[in-house]
Protein backbone atom coordinates (compact mmCIF):
# COMPACT_ATOMS: atom_id res chain seq x y z
CA UNK A 1 0.00 0.00 0.00
CA UNK A 2 1.31 3.44 -0.92
CA UNK A 3 1.32 6.18 1.70
CA UNK A 4 2.46 9.76 1.65
CA UNK A 5 2.68 12.57 4.12
CA UNK A 6 4.90 15.09 5.83
CA UNK A 7 6.98 14.81 8.97
CA UNK A 8 7.95 17.99 10.82
CA UNK A 9 11.48 17.77 12.23
CA UNK A 10 12.07 20.32 15.01
CA UNK A 11 14.81 22.89 14.54
CA UNK A 12 16.84 23.18 17.74
CA UNK A 13 18.73 26.38 16.91
CA UNK A 14 15.96 28.78 17.92
CA UNK A 15 13.78 29.37 20.95
CA UNK A 16 10.61 29.55 18.85
CA UNK A 17 9.02 26.35 17.61
CA UNK A 18 10.23 25.82 14.05
CA UNK A 19 10.08 22.71 11.94
CA UNK A 20 11.68 21.50 8.75
CA UNK A 21 9.23 19.60 6.55
CA UNK A 22 10.29 16.24 5.15
CA UNK A 23 7.77 14.89 2.64
CA UNK A 24 7.63 11.13 2.19
CA UNK A 25 6.16 8.59 -0.17
CA UNK A 26 6.48 4.95 0.87
CA UNK A 27 5.26 1.56 -0.27
CA UNK A 28 4.54 -0.67 2.72
CA UNK A 29 3.78 -4.38 2.59
CA UNK A 30 1.99 -6.55 5.15
CA UNK A 31 5.00 -8.81 5.65
CA UNK A 32 8.73 -8.09 5.90
CA UNK A 33 10.75 -8.70 2.75
CA UNK A 34 14.36 -9.15 1.75
CA UNK A 35 13.81 -6.13 -0.51
CA UNK A 36 12.58 -3.96 2.37
CA UNK A 37 14.69 -1.46 4.27
CA UNK A 38 16.51 -3.50 6.94
CA UNK A 39 14.52 -6.52 5.62
CA UNK A 40 11.34 -4.81 6.82
CA UNK A 41 7.99 -3.85 5.32
CA UNK A 42 9.01 -0.62 3.52
CA UNK A 43 10.27 -1.58 0.06
CA UNK A 44 10.08 1.81 -1.63
CA UNK A 45 10.72 5.20 -0.09
CA UNK A 46 11.29 8.74 -1.28
CA UNK A 47 12.07 11.63 1.04
CA UNK A 48 11.99 15.24 -0.17
CA UNK A 49 13.21 18.32 1.63
CA UNK A 50 12.73 21.78 0.09
CA UNK A 51 11.63 20.06 -3.12
CA UNK A 52 14.85 18.03 -3.47
CA UNK A 53 15.09 14.27 -3.13
CA UNK A 54 17.25 13.61 -0.06
CA UNK A 55 16.70 9.83 0.14
CA UNK A 56 15.46 7.17 -2.25
CA UNK A 57 15.05 3.43 -1.76
CA UNK A 58 13.59 1.18 -4.46
CA UNK A 59 14.34 -2.39 -3.33
CA UNK A 60 17.79 -1.03 -2.54
CA UNK A 61 19.35 2.34 -1.78
CA UNK A 62 19.66 4.70 -4.75
CA UNK A 63 20.24 7.75 -2.53
CA UNK A 64 21.11 7.30 1.13
CA UNK A 65 19.58 9.88 3.50
CA UNK A 66 21.94 12.82 3.23
CA UNK A 67 20.57 15.30 5.77
CA UNK A 68 20.04 14.91 9.50
CA UNK A 69 16.34 15.65 8.97
CA UNK A 70 16.07 12.86 6.38
CA UNK A 71 17.82 10.45 8.73
CA UNK A 72 15.40 11.34 11.53
CA UNK A 73 12.37 11.03 9.24
CA UNK A 74 13.60 7.60 8.10
CA UNK A 75 13.92 6.45 11.71
CA UNK A 76 10.38 7.64 12.45
CA UNK A 77 8.99 5.79 9.41
CA UNK A 78 10.85 2.60 10.24
CA UNK A 79 9.53 2.65 13.82
CA UNK A 80 5.97 3.24 12.59
CA UNK A 81 5.91 0.68 9.80
CA UNK A 82 8.36 -2.10 10.59
PDB file of N, CA and C in Angstrom:
ATOM      1  N   UNK A   1       0.837  -1.160   0.000  1.00  0.00           N
ATOM      2  CA  UNK A   1       0.000   0.000   0.000  1.00  0.00           C
ATOM      3  C   UNK A   1       0.896   1.242   0.000  1.00  0.00           C
ATOM      4  N   UNK A   2       0.578   2.177  -0.848  1.00  0.00           N
ATOM      5  CA  UNK A   2       1.307   3.442  -0.915  1.00  0.00           C
ATOM      6  C   UNK A   2       0.778   4.416   0.129  1.00  0.00           C
ATOM      7  N   UNK A   3       1.688   5.143   0.731  1.00  0.00           N
ATOM      8  CA  UNK A   3       1.323   6.178   1.701  1.00  0.00           C
ATOM      9  C   UNK A   3       2.198   7.392   1.456  1.00  0.00           C
ATOM     10  N   UNK A   4       1.652   8.555   1.713  1.00  0.00           N
ATOM     11  CA  UNK A   4       2.463   9.756   1.655  1.00  0.00           C
ATOM     12  C   UNK A   4       2.037  10.724   2.729  1.00  0.00           C
ATOM     13  N   UNK A   5       2.956  11.603   3.076  1.00  0.00           N
ATOM     14  CA  UNK A   5       2.675  12.574   4.117  1.00  0.00           C
ATOM     15  C   UNK A   5       3.889  13.450   4.356  1.00  0.00           C
ATOM     16  N   UNK A   6       3.830  14.175   5.460  1.00  0.00           N
ATOM     17  CA  UNK A   6       4.902  15.091   5.833  1.00  0.00           C
ATOM     18  C   UNK A   6       5.233  14.890   7.298  1.00  0.00           C
ATOM     19  N   UNK A   7       6.520  14.884   7.586  1.00  0.00           N
ATOM     20  CA  UNK A   7       6.983  14.810   8.968  1.00  0.00           C
ATOM     21  C   UNK A   7       7.683  16.121   9.283  1.00  0.00           C
ATOM     22  N   UNK A   8       7.304  16.751  10.381  1.00  0.00           N
ATOM     23  CA  UNK A   8       7.951  17.989  10.816  1.00  0.00           C
ATOM     24  C   UNK A   8       9.086  17.670  11.779  1.00  0.00           C
ATOM     25  N   UNK A   9      10.309  18.005  11.388  1.00  0.00           N
ATOM     26  CA  UNK A   9      11.477  17.766  12.228  1.00  0.00           C
ATOM     27  C   UNK A   9      11.811  19.066  12.944  1.00  0.00           C
ATOM     28  N   UNK A  10      11.812  19.079  14.277  1.00  0.00           N
ATOM     29  CA  UNK A  10      12.066  20.323  15.014  1.00  0.00           C
ATOM     30  C   UNK A  10      13.472  20.870  14.762  1.00  0.00           C
ATOM     31  N   UNK A  11      13.535  22.186  14.657  1.00  0.00           N
ATOM     32  CA  UNK A  11      14.813  22.887  14.544  1.00  0.00           C
ATOM     33  C   UNK A  11      15.219  23.283  15.951  1.00  0.00           C
ATOM     34  N   UNK A  12      16.424  22.930  16.348  1.00  0.00           N
ATOM     35  CA  UNK A  12      16.838  23.177  17.737  1.00  0.00           C
ATOM     36  C   UNK A  12      17.674  24.432  17.909  1.00  0.00           C
ATOM     37  N   UNK A  13      17.879  25.196  16.836  1.00  0.00           N
ATOM     38  CA  UNK A  13      18.734  26.376  16.913  1.00  0.00           C
ATOM     39  C   UNK A  13      18.021  27.602  17.457  1.00  0.00           C
ATOM     40  N   UNK A  14      16.697  27.594  17.494  1.00  0.00           N
ATOM     41  CA  UNK A  14      15.961  28.780  17.916  1.00  0.00           C
ATOM     42  C   UNK A  14      15.087  28.465  19.119  1.00  0.00           C
ATOM     43  N   UNK A  15      14.678  29.520  19.793  1.00  0.00           N
ATOM     44  CA  UNK A  15      13.785  29.371  20.946  1.00  0.00           C
ATOM     45  C   UNK A  15      12.358  29.102  20.475  1.00  0.00           C
ATOM     46  N   UNK A  16      11.963  29.745  19.377  1.00  0.00           N
ATOM     47  CA  UNK A  16      10.615  29.553  18.850  1.00  0.00           C
ATOM     48  C   UNK A  16      10.486  28.164  18.229  1.00  0.00           C
ATOM     49  N   UNK A  17       9.264  27.671  18.193  1.00  0.00           N
ATOM     50  CA  UNK A  17       9.015  26.350  17.609  1.00  0.00           C
ATOM     51  C   UNK A  17       9.069  26.465  16.087  1.00  0.00           C
ATOM     52  N   UNK A  18      10.091  25.873  15.502  1.00  0.00           N
ATOM     53  CA  UNK A  18      10.230  25.817  14.052  1.00  0.00           C
ATOM     54  C   UNK A  18      10.417  24.370  13.643  1.00  0.00           C
ATOM     55  N   UNK A  19       9.961  24.069  12.442  1.00  0.00           N
ATOM     56  CA  UNK A  19      10.075  22.707  11.940  1.00  0.00           C
ATOM     57  C   UNK A  19      10.565  22.733  10.496  1.00  0.00           C
ATOM     58  N   UNK A  20      11.304  21.713  10.140  1.00  0.00           N
ATOM     59  CA  UNK A  20      11.683  21.495   8.749  1.00  0.00           C
ATOM     60  C   UNK A  20      10.812  20.364   8.242  1.00  0.00           C
ATOM     61  N   UNK A  21      10.135  20.595   7.115  1.00  0.00           N
ATOM     62  CA  UNK A  21       9.228  19.597   6.551  1.00  0.00           C
ATOM     63  C   UNK A  21       9.996  18.597   5.702  1.00  0.00           C
ATOM     64  N   UNK A  22       9.760  17.316   5.975  1.00  0.00           N
ATOM     65  CA  UNK A  22      10.293  16.239   5.145  1.00  0.00           C
ATOM     66  C   UNK A  22       9.076  15.487   4.600  1.00  0.00           C
ATOM     67  N   UNK A  23       8.892  15.562   3.292  1.00  0.00           N
ATOM     68  CA  UNK A  23       7.768  14.891   2.641  1.00  0.00           C
ATOM     69  C   UNK A  23       8.197  13.470   2.279  1.00  0.00           C
ATOM     70  N   UNK A  24       7.291  12.526   2.481  1.00  0.00           N
ATOM     71  CA  UNK A  24       7.630  11.129   2.192  1.00  0.00           C
ATOM     72  C   UNK A  24       6.559  10.466   1.342  1.00  0.00           C
ATOM     73  N   UNK A  25       7.018   9.524   0.546  1.00  0.00           N
ATOM     74  CA  UNK A  25       6.164   8.586  -0.174  1.00  0.00           C
ATOM     75  C   UNK A  25       6.781   7.219   0.076  1.00  0.00           C
ATOM     76  N   UNK A  26       5.976   6.287   0.572  1.00  0.00           N
ATOM     77  CA  UNK A  26       6.483   4.953   0.873  1.00  0.00           C
ATOM     78  C   UNK A  26       5.514   3.888   0.358  1.00  0.00           C
ATOM     79  N   UNK A  27       6.072   2.729   0.049  1.00  0.00           N
ATOM     80  CA  UNK A  27       5.261   1.555  -0.268  1.00  0.00           C
ATOM     81  C   UNK A  27       5.519   0.550   0.841  1.00  0.00           C
ATOM     82  N   UNK A  28       4.446   0.202   1.548  1.00  0.00           N
ATOM     83  CA  UNK A  28       4.540  -0.667   2.721  1.00  0.00           C
ATOM     84  C   UNK A  28       3.775  -1.958   2.445  1.00  0.00           C
ATOM     85  N   UNK A  29       4.422  -3.081   2.743  1.00  0.00           N
ATOM     86  CA  UNK A  29       3.778  -4.382   2.588  1.00  0.00           C
ATOM     87  C   UNK A  29       3.343  -4.926   3.948  1.00  0.00           C
ATOM     88  N   UNK A  30       2.484  -5.937   3.922  1.00  0.00           N
ATOM     89  CA  UNK A  30       1.989  -6.550   5.153  1.00  0.00           C
ATOM     90  C   UNK A  30       3.056  -7.366   5.864  1.00  0.00           C
ATOM     91  N   UNK A  31       3.963  -7.943   5.089  1.00  0.00           N
ATOM     92  CA  UNK A  31       4.998  -8.809   5.645  1.00  0.00           C
ATOM     93  C   UNK A  31       6.383  -8.247   5.327  1.00  0.00           C
ATOM     94  N   UNK A  32       7.349  -8.497   6.198  1.00  0.00           N
ATOM     95  CA  UNK A  32       8.730  -8.092   5.900  1.00  0.00           C
ATOM     96  C   UNK A  32       9.245  -8.796   4.640  1.00  0.00           C
ATOM     97  N   UNK A  33      10.217  -8.164   3.991  1.00  0.00           N
ATOM     98  CA  UNK A  33      10.754  -8.700   2.748  1.00  0.00           C
ATOM     99  C   UNK A  33      12.264  -8.498   2.690  1.00  0.00           C
ATOM    100  N   UNK A  34      12.931  -9.341   1.933  1.00  0.00           N
ATOM    101  CA  UNK A  34      14.365  -9.153   1.751  1.00  0.00           C
ATOM    102  C   UNK A  34      14.652  -7.889   0.950  1.00  0.00           C
ATOM    103  N   UNK A  35      13.647  -7.356   0.251  1.00  0.00           N
ATOM    104  CA  UNK A  35      13.807  -6.127  -0.508  1.00  0.00           C
ATOM    105  C   UNK A  35      13.503  -4.883   0.331  1.00  0.00           C
ATOM    106  N   UNK A  36      12.939  -5.076   1.514  1.00  0.00           N
ATOM    107  CA  UNK A  36      12.581  -3.958   2.367  1.00  0.00           C
ATOM    108  C   UNK A  36      13.789  -3.340   3.055  1.00  0.00           C
ATOM    109  N   UNK A  37      13.626  -2.124   3.528  1.00  0.00           N
ATOM    110  CA  UNK A  37      14.692  -1.462   4.272  1.00  0.00           C
ATOM    111  C   UNK A  37      14.915  -2.254   5.552  1.00  0.00           C
ATOM    112  N   UNK A  38      16.153  -2.657   5.792  1.00  0.00           N
ATOM    113  CA  UNK A  38      16.511  -3.500   6.937  1.00  0.00           C
ATOM    114  C   UNK A  38      15.681  -4.786   6.965  1.00  0.00           C
ATOM    115  N   UNK A  39      15.343  -5.305   5.777  1.00  0.00           N
ATOM    116  CA  UNK A  39      14.522  -6.517   5.620  1.00  0.00           C
ATOM    117  C   UNK A  39      13.142  -6.343   6.260  1.00  0.00           C
ATOM    118  N   UNK A  40      12.633  -5.115   6.220  1.00  0.00           N
ATOM    119  CA  UNK A  40      11.338  -4.812   6.816  1.00  0.00           C
ATOM    120  C   UNK A  40      10.235  -4.683   5.777  1.00  0.00           C
ATOM    121  N   UNK A  41       9.202  -3.956   6.133  1.00  0.00           N
ATOM    122  CA  UNK A  41       7.993  -3.851   5.319  1.00  0.00           C
ATOM    123  C   UNK A  41       8.017  -2.708   4.303  1.00  0.00           C
ATOM    124  N   UNK A  42       8.932  -1.755   4.448  1.00  0.00           N
ATOM    125  CA  UNK A  42       9.010  -0.622   3.518  1.00  0.00           C
ATOM    126  C   UNK A  42       9.966  -1.000   2.390  1.00  0.00           C
ATOM    127  N   UNK A  43       9.412  -1.197   1.178  1.00  0.00           N
ATOM    128  CA  UNK A  43      10.274  -1.585   0.061  1.00  0.00           C
ATOM    129  C   UNK A  43      10.633  -0.404  -0.827  1.00  0.00           C
ATOM    130  N   UNK A  44       9.800   0.623  -0.818  1.00  0.00           N
ATOM    131  CA  UNK A  44      10.077   1.814  -1.633  1.00  0.00           C
ATOM    132  C   UNK A  44       9.861   3.041  -0.762  1.00  0.00           C
ATOM    133  N   UNK A  45      10.785   3.996  -0.913  1.00  0.00           N
ATOM    134  CA  UNK A  45      10.720   5.204  -0.091  1.00  0.00           C
ATOM    135  C   UNK A  45      11.350   6.349  -0.857  1.00  0.00           C
ATOM    136  N   UNK A  46      10.696   7.507  -0.772  1.00  0.00           N
ATOM    137  CA  UNK A  46      11.294   8.735  -1.285  1.00  0.00           C
ATOM    138  C   UNK A  46      11.071   9.817  -0.239  1.00  0.00           C
ATOM    139  N   UNK A  47      12.145  10.511   0.118  1.00  0.00           N
ATOM    140  CA  UNK A  47      12.069  11.634   1.036  1.00  0.00           C
ATOM    141  C   UNK A  47      12.481  12.890   0.289  1.00  0.00           C
ATOM    142  N   UNK A  48      11.689  13.955   0.472  1.00  0.00           N
ATOM    143  CA  UNK A  48      11.992  15.242  -0.167  1.00  0.00           C
ATOM    144  C   UNK A  48      12.053  16.328   0.901  1.00  0.00           C
ATOM    145  N   UNK A  49      13.027  17.195   0.719  1.00  0.00           N
ATOM    146  CA  UNK A  49      13.206  18.324   1.626  1.00  0.00           C
ATOM    147  C   UNK A  49      13.450  19.547   0.755  1.00  0.00           C
ATOM    148  N   UNK A  50      12.642  20.569   0.933  1.00  0.00           N
ATOM    149  CA  UNK A  50      12.725  21.776   0.095  1.00  0.00           C
ATOM    150  C   UNK A  50      12.653  21.427  -1.392  1.00  0.00           C
ATOM    151  N   UNK A  51      11.839  20.441  -1.734  1.00  0.00           N
ATOM    152  CA  UNK A  51      11.631  20.056  -3.122  1.00  0.00           C
ATOM    153  C   UNK A  51      12.701  19.143  -3.707  1.00  0.00           C
ATOM    154  N   UNK A  52      13.773  18.898  -2.984  1.00  0.00           N
ATOM    155  CA  UNK A  52      14.847  18.034  -3.468  1.00  0.00           C
ATOM    156  C   UNK A  52      14.739  16.646  -2.856  1.00  0.00           C
ATOM    157  N   UNK A  53      15.058  15.633  -3.645  1.00  0.00           N
ATOM    158  CA  UNK A  53      15.088  14.271  -3.126  1.00  0.00           C
ATOM    159  C   UNK A  53      16.335  14.121  -2.263  1.00  0.00           C
ATOM    160  N   UNK A  54      16.123  13.769  -0.989  1.00  0.00           N
ATOM    161  CA  UNK A  54      17.245  13.606  -0.056  1.00  0.00           C
ATOM    162  C   UNK A  54      17.449  12.148   0.337  1.00  0.00           C
ATOM    163  N   UNK A  55      16.535  11.274  -0.076  1.00  0.00           N
ATOM    164  CA  UNK A  55      16.703   9.831   0.138  1.00  0.00           C
ATOM    165  C   UNK A  55      15.777   9.102  -0.831  1.00  0.00           C
ATOM    166  N   UNK A  56      16.272   7.972  -1.360  1.00  0.00           N
ATOM    167  CA  UNK A  56      15.457   7.167  -2.252  1.00  0.00           C
ATOM    168  C   UNK A  56      15.851   5.696  -2.110  1.00  0.00           C
ATOM    169  N   UNK A  57      14.844   4.869  -1.877  1.00  0.00           N
ATOM    170  CA  UNK A  57      15.051   3.426  -1.763  1.00  0.00           C
ATOM    171  C   UNK A  57      14.017   2.746  -2.644  1.00  0.00           C
ATOM    172  N   UNK A  58      14.487   1.926  -3.586  1.00  0.00           N
ATOM    173  CA  UNK A  58      13.593   1.175  -4.459  1.00  0.00           C
ATOM    174  C   UNK A  58      14.128  -0.248  -4.541  1.00  0.00           C
ATOM    175  N   UNK A  59      13.806  -1.035  -3.509  1.00  0.00           N
ATOM    176  CA  UNK A  59      14.339  -2.395  -3.327  1.00  0.00           C
ATOM    177  C   UNK A  59      15.849  -2.384  -3.147  1.00  0.00           C
ATOM    178  N   UNK A  60      16.371  -1.259  -2.777  1.00  0.00           N
ATOM    179  CA  UNK A  60      17.791  -1.035  -2.543  1.00  0.00           C
ATOM    180  C   UNK A  60      18.028   0.465  -2.541  1.00  0.00           C
ATOM    181  N   UNK A  61      19.095   0.911  -1.895  1.00  0.00           N
ATOM    182  CA  UNK A  61      19.354   2.344  -1.783  1.00  0.00           C
ATOM    183  C   UNK A  61      19.890   2.915  -3.090  1.00  0.00           C
ATOM    184  N   UNK A  62      19.180   3.900  -3.623  1.00  0.00           N
ATOM    185  CA  UNK A  62      19.665   4.696  -4.746  1.00  0.00           C
ATOM    186  C   UNK A  62      20.337   5.962  -4.214  1.00  0.00           C
ATOM    187  N   UNK A  63      19.698   6.561  -3.198  1.00  0.00           N
ATOM    188  CA  UNK A  63      20.236   7.746  -2.532  1.00  0.00           C
ATOM    189  C   UNK A  63      20.065   7.531  -1.033  1.00  0.00           C
ATOM    190  N   UNK A  64      21.180   7.423  -0.330  1.00  0.00           N
ATOM    191  CA  UNK A  64      21.115   7.301   1.128  1.00  0.00           C
ATOM    192  C   UNK A  64      20.667   8.631   1.720  1.00  0.00           C
ATOM    193  N   UNK A  65      19.977   8.619   2.869  1.00  0.00           N
ATOM    194  CA  UNK A  65      19.577   9.879   3.498  1.00  0.00           C
ATOM    195  C   UNK A  65      20.815  10.761   3.697  1.00  0.00           C
ATOM    196  N   UNK A  66      20.745  11.989   3.181  1.00  0.00           N
ATOM    197  CA  UNK A  66      21.940  12.823   3.226  1.00  0.00           C
ATOM    198  C   UNK A  66      21.798  14.085   4.067  1.00  0.00           C
ATOM    199  N   UNK A  67      20.707  14.199   4.814  1.00  0.00           N
ATOM    200  CA  UNK A  67      20.574  15.297   5.772  1.00  0.00           C
ATOM    201  C   UNK A  67      20.166  14.699   7.116  1.00  0.00           C
ATOM    202  N   UNK A  68      20.431  15.438   8.179  1.00  0.00           N
ATOM    203  CA  UNK A  68      20.042  14.912   9.497  1.00  0.00           C
ATOM    204  C   UNK A  68      18.520  14.811   9.611  1.00  0.00           C
ATOM    205  N   UNK A  69      17.798  15.711   8.947  1.00  0.00           N
ATOM    206  CA  UNK A  69      16.336  15.654   8.972  1.00  0.00           C
ATOM    207  C   UNK A  69      15.828  14.404   8.247  1.00  0.00           C
ATOM    208  N   UNK A  70      16.454  14.064   7.124  1.00  0.00           N
ATOM    209  CA  UNK A  70      16.066  12.862   6.378  1.00  0.00           C
ATOM    210  C   UNK A  70      16.348  11.607   7.197  1.00  0.00           C
ATOM    211  N   UNK A  71      17.480  11.600   7.883  1.00  0.00           N
ATOM    212  CA  UNK A  71      17.819  10.450   8.726  1.00  0.00           C
ATOM    213  C   UNK A  71      16.811  10.288   9.853  1.00  0.00           C
ATOM    214  N   UNK A  72      16.405  11.396  10.459  1.00  0.00           N
ATOM    215  CA  UNK A  72      15.403  11.336  11.530  1.00  0.00           C
ATOM    216  C   UNK A  72      14.045  10.882  10.992  1.00  0.00           C
ATOM    217  N   UNK A  73      13.640  11.418   9.842  1.00  0.00           N
ATOM    218  CA  UNK A  73      12.366  11.027   9.236  1.00  0.00           C
ATOM    219  C   UNK A  73      12.372   9.539   8.905  1.00  0.00           C
ATOM    220  N   UNK A  74      13.488   9.035   8.390  1.00  0.00           N
ATOM    221  CA  UNK A  74      13.600   7.604   8.097  1.00  0.00           C
ATOM    222  C   UNK A  74      13.426   6.775   9.362  1.00  0.00           C
ATOM    223  N   UNK A  75      14.070   7.184  10.440  1.00  0.00           N
ATOM    224  CA  UNK A  75      13.923   6.454  11.712  1.00  0.00           C
ATOM    225  C   UNK A  75      12.468   6.432  12.166  1.00  0.00           C
ATOM    226  N   UNK A  76      11.793   7.556  12.053  1.00  0.00           N
ATOM    227  CA  UNK A  76      10.382   7.636  12.453  1.00  0.00           C
ATOM    228  C   UNK A  76       9.544   6.675  11.601  1.00  0.00           C
ATOM    229  N   UNK A  77       9.755   6.679  10.300  1.00  0.00           N
ATOM    230  CA  UNK A  77       8.986   5.794   9.405  1.00  0.00           C
ATOM    231  C   UNK A  77       9.267   4.322   9.681  1.00  0.00           C
ATOM    232  N   UNK A  78      10.534   3.985   9.952  1.00  0.00           N
ATOM    233  CA  UNK A  78      10.854   2.596  10.243  1.00  0.00           C
ATOM    234  C   UNK A  78      10.212   2.136  11.544  1.00  0.00           C
ATOM    235  N   UNK A  79      10.181   3.007  12.548  1.00  0.00           N
ATOM    236  CA  UNK A  79       9.534   2.645  13.816  1.00  0.00           C
ATOM    237  C   UNK A  79       8.029   2.454  13.605  1.00  0.00           C
ATOM    238  N   UNK A  80       7.421   3.324  12.826  1.00  0.00           N
ATOM    239  CA  UNK A  80       5.967   3.239  12.588  1.00  0.00           C
ATOM    240  C   UNK A  80       5.558   2.020  11.773  1.00  0.00           C
ATOM    241  N   UNK A  81       6.373   1.654  10.793  1.00  0.00           N
ATOM    242  CA  UNK A  81       5.915   0.680   9.796  1.00  0.00           C
ATOM    243  C   UNK A  81       6.632  -0.669   9.811  1.00  0.00           C
ATOM    244  N   UNK A  82       7.691  -0.797  10.570  1.00  0.00           N
ATOM    245  CA  UNK A  82       8.355  -2.096  10.592  1.00  0.00           C
ATOM    246  C   UNK A  82       7.973  -2.826  11.853  1.00  0.00           C
TER     247      UNK A  82
END
